[in-house]
C-alpha atoms as a PDB file:
ATOM      1  CA  MET A   1      24.324 -18.534  34.583  1.00  0.00           C
ATOM      2  CA  SER A   2      23.362 -15.005  33.523  1.00  0.00           C
ATOM      3  CA  ASP A   3      25.520 -11.926  34.018  1.00  0.00           C
ATOM      4  CA  ILE A   4      23.689  -9.819  36.613  1.00  0.00           C
ATOM      5  CA  THR A   5      26.073  -6.908  36.055  1.00  0.00           C
ATOM      6  CA  ALA A   6      25.035  -6.471  32.406  1.00  0.00           C
ATOM      7  CA  VAL A   7      23.147  -3.245  31.734  1.00  0.00           C
ATOM      8  CA  PRO A   8      19.847  -3.827  29.884  1.00  0.00           C
ATOM      9  CA  ALA A   9      19.396  -2.197  26.481  1.00  0.00           C
ATOM     10  CA  ARG A  10      18.272   1.411  26.888  1.00  0.00           C
ATOM     11  CA  VAL A  11      16.029   1.372  23.816  1.00  0.00           C
ATOM     12  CA  LEU A  12      13.964  -1.504  22.428  1.00  0.00           C
ATOM     13  CA  ALA A  13      11.434  -1.653  19.618  1.00  0.00           C
ATOM     14  CA  THR A  14       8.414  -3.822  18.949  1.00  0.00           C
ATOM     15  CA  ASP A  15       8.345  -6.164  15.973  1.00  0.00           C
ATOM     16  CA  ALA A  16       5.949  -3.770  14.196  1.00  0.00           C
ATOM     17  CA  CYS A  17       8.415  -0.924  14.681  1.00  0.00           C
ATOM     18  CA  THR A  18      11.446  -2.869  13.457  1.00  0.00           C
ATOM     19  CA  SER A  19       9.454  -4.004  10.420  1.00  0.00           C
ATOM     20  CA  LEU A  20       8.570  -0.391   9.606  1.00  0.00           C
ATOM     21  CA  VAL A  21      12.206   0.699  10.005  1.00  0.00           C
ATOM     22  CA  ALA A  22      13.271  -2.048   7.578  1.00  0.00           C
ATOM     23  CA  LYS A  23      10.727  -0.734   5.034  1.00  0.00           C
ATOM     24  CA  LEU A  24      11.971   2.829   5.517  1.00  0.00           C
ATOM     25  CA  VAL A  25      15.569   1.765   4.952  1.00  0.00           C
ATOM     26  CA  ALA A  26      14.573  -0.180   1.826  1.00  0.00           C
ATOM     27  CA  GLN A  27      12.791   2.905   0.425  1.00  0.00           C
ATOM     28  CA  HIS A  28      15.015   5.754   1.642  1.00  0.00           C
ATOM     29  CA  GLY A  29      18.369   4.302   2.643  1.00  0.00           C
ATOM     30  CA  PRO A  30      19.839   4.427   6.157  1.00  0.00           C
ATOM     31  CA  VAL A  31      17.816   6.321   8.760  1.00  0.00           C
ATOM     32  CA  MET A  32      18.390   7.544  12.302  1.00  0.00           C
ATOM     33  CA  PHE A  33      16.160   8.515  15.216  1.00  0.00           C
ATOM     34  CA  HIS A  34      16.361  11.440  17.607  1.00  0.00           C
ATOM     35  CA  GLN A  35      14.223  11.782  20.727  1.00  0.00           C
ATOM     36  CA  SER A  36      14.061  15.478  21.512  1.00  0.00           C
ATOM     37  CA  GLY A  37      12.892  17.010  24.748  1.00  0.00           C
ATOM     38  CA  GLY A  38      10.190  19.138  23.128  1.00  0.00           C
ATOM     39  CA  CYS A  39       6.482  18.961  23.628  1.00  0.00           C
ATOM     40  CA  CYS A  40       3.768  17.448  21.461  1.00  0.00           C
ATOM     41  CA  ASP A  41       5.241  15.888  18.274  1.00  0.00           C
ATOM     42  CA  GLY A  42       8.729  16.805  19.480  1.00  0.00           C
ATOM     43  CA  SER A  43       8.301  14.324  22.333  1.00  0.00           C
ATOM     44  CA  ALA A  44       8.058  11.419  19.911  1.00  0.00           C
ATOM     45  CA  PRO A  45      11.123   9.899  18.278  1.00  0.00           C
ATOM     46  CA  MET A  46      11.823  11.707  15.023  1.00  0.00           C
ATOM     47  CA  CYS A  47      13.051   9.741  11.992  1.00  0.00           C
ATOM     48  CA  TYR A  48      15.596  11.308   9.628  1.00  0.00           C
ATOM     49  CA  PRO A  49      17.711  10.118   6.724  1.00  0.00           C
ATOM     50  CA  GLN A  50      21.013   9.181   8.363  1.00  0.00           C
ATOM     51  CA  GLY A  51      23.327  12.187   8.459  1.00  0.00           C
ATOM     52  CA  GLU A  52      20.586  14.756   7.753  1.00  0.00           C
ATOM     53  CA  PHE A  53      20.055  15.605  11.432  1.00  0.00           C
ATOM     54  CA  LEU A  54      23.155  17.338  12.731  1.00  0.00           C
ATOM     55  CA  LEU A  55      24.315  15.741  15.977  1.00  0.00           C
ATOM     56  CA  GLY A  56      26.495  17.510  18.501  1.00  0.00           C
ATOM     57  CA  ASP A  57      28.308  16.985  21.773  1.00  0.00           C
ATOM     58  CA  HIS A  58      24.954  17.428  23.504  1.00  0.00           C
ATOM     59  CA  ASP A  59      23.559  14.206  21.965  1.00  0.00           C
ATOM     60  CA  VAL A  60      24.080  10.641  23.199  1.00  0.00           C
ATOM     61  CA  GLN A  61      23.333   7.392  21.394  1.00  0.00           C
ATOM     62  CA  LEU A  62      21.084   5.120  23.448  1.00  0.00           C
ATOM     63  CA  GLY A  63      21.145   2.195  21.068  1.00  0.00           C
ATOM     64  CA  GLU A  64      19.692   1.121  17.750  1.00  0.00           C
ATOM     65  CA  ILE A  65      16.325   0.207  16.290  1.00  0.00           C
ATOM     66  CA  ALA A  66      16.738  -2.394  13.551  1.00  0.00           C
ATOM     67  CA  GLY A  67      20.252  -1.103  12.905  1.00  0.00           C
ATOM     68  CA  ALA A  68      19.211   2.578  12.906  1.00  0.00           C
ATOM     69  CA  PRO A  69      20.961   4.628  15.611  1.00  0.00           C
ATOM     70  CA  PHE A  70      18.728   6.187  18.292  1.00  0.00           C
ATOM     71  CA  TYR A  71      19.868   9.449  19.947  1.00  0.00           C
ATOM     72  CA  MET A  72      18.667  11.745  22.712  1.00  0.00           C
ATOM     73  CA  THR A  73      19.991  15.028  24.075  1.00  0.00           C
ATOM     74  CA  ARG A  74      22.340  14.649  27.018  1.00  0.00           C
ATOM     75  CA  ALA A  75      20.102  16.882  29.159  1.00  0.00           C
ATOM     76  CA  GLN A  76      17.050  14.708  28.491  1.00  0.00           C
ATOM     77  CA  PHE A  77      19.124  11.567  29.051  1.00  0.00           C
ATOM     78  CA  GLU A  78      19.845  12.792  32.591  1.00  0.00           C
ATOM     79  CA  TYR A  79      16.094  12.491  33.305  1.00  0.00           C
ATOM     80  CA  TRP A  80      15.696   9.158  31.492  1.00  0.00           C
ATOM     81  CA  LYS A  81      18.987   7.418  32.301  1.00  0.00           C
ATOM     82  CA  HIS A  82      17.368   4.903  34.655  1.00  0.00           C
ATOM     83  CA  THR A  83      14.760   3.812  32.124  1.00  0.00           C
ATOM     84  CA  GLN A  84      14.406   1.505  29.173  1.00  0.00           C
ATOM     85  CA  LEU A  85      12.439   3.000  26.270  1.00  0.00           C
ATOM     86  CA  ILE A  86      10.207   0.727  24.219  1.00  0.00           C
ATOM     87  CA  ILE A  87       9.385   2.206  20.816  1.00  0.00           C
ATOM     88  CA  ASP A  88       6.193   1.142  19.037  1.00  0.00           C
ATOM     89  CA  ILE A  89       4.056   2.414  16.181  1.00  0.00           C
ATOM     90  CA  CYS A  90       0.378   3.206  15.969  1.00  0.00           C
ATOM     91  CA  GLY A  91      -1.799   4.320  13.087  1.00  0.00           C
ATOM     92  CA  THR A  92      -3.816   7.079  14.721  1.00  0.00           C
ATOM     93  CA  PRO A  93      -3.504   9.869  15.228  1.00  0.00           C
ATOM     94  CA  ALA A  94      -1.104   9.880  12.302  1.00  0.00           C
ATOM     95  CA  THR A  95       1.632  12.438  12.682  1.00  0.00           C
ATOM     96  CA  GLN A  96       4.758  13.254  10.746  1.00  0.00           C
ATOM     97  CA  VAL A  97       7.638  11.701  12.687  1.00  0.00           C
ATOM     98  CA  GLY A  98      10.351  13.254  10.604  1.00  0.00           C
ATOM     99  CA  PRO A  99      11.251  14.572   7.211  1.00  0.00           C
ATOM    100  CA  VAL A 100      11.405  11.145   5.551  1.00  0.00           C
ATOM    101  CA  ASP A 101       9.064  11.930   2.636  1.00  0.00           C
ATOM    102  CA  ASP A 102       5.489  10.815   3.225  1.00  0.00           C
ATOM    103  CA  LEU A 103       5.987   8.849   6.429  1.00  0.00           C
ATOM    104  CA  LYS A 104       2.876   9.313   8.529  1.00  0.00           C
ATOM    105  CA  VAL A 105       3.019   7.215  11.666  1.00  0.00           C
ATOM    106  CA  ASN A 106       3.091   7.883  15.378  1.00  0.00           C
ATOM    107  CA  MET A 107       5.975   6.233  17.252  1.00  0.00           C
ATOM    108  CA  PRO A 108       5.140   6.620  20.922  1.00  0.00           C
ATOM    109  CA  VAL A 109       7.533   5.790  23.700  1.00  0.00           C
ATOM    110  CA  ALA A 110       5.836   3.124  25.805  1.00  0.00           C
ATOM    111  CA  ALA A 111       5.896   3.359  29.569  1.00  0.00           C
ATOM    112  CA  PRO A 112       9.551   3.501  30.610  1.00  0.00           C
ATOM    113  CA  VAL A 113      10.944   0.583  32.576  1.00  0.00           C
ATOM    114  CA  GLU A 114      13.413   1.261  35.403  1.00  0.00           C
ATOM    115  CA  VAL A 115      16.920  -0.084  34.816  1.00  0.00           C
ATOM    116  CA  ASP A 116      20.092   0.210  36.832  1.00  0.00           C
ATOM    117  CA  ALA A 117      22.654   2.507  35.243  1.00  0.00           C
END
């Protein structure tokens, strides 16, 4: 019997995404993700070496992608708190997703799925 009171994971990643994160960690050490509320590239999850992006009281951790913590601002979380984010990668258009050296990949947030908070 399943536990119907369990809250679904707030952030998931495709196999392609988790594979890429594993490669990043192997090359650069631990990484983290931050989903800002900006526009354009700022709307995509940004990848940073773990500890390089300064977190504050205004950030919340939604979960992890392949062991890498995934954060979002508290204000943005208020808009997205009833959703489940699915993170994927795509090759074009290639954009810088963070200051991790030469990483050029777009990590779009797939269509959010409603979840109960």
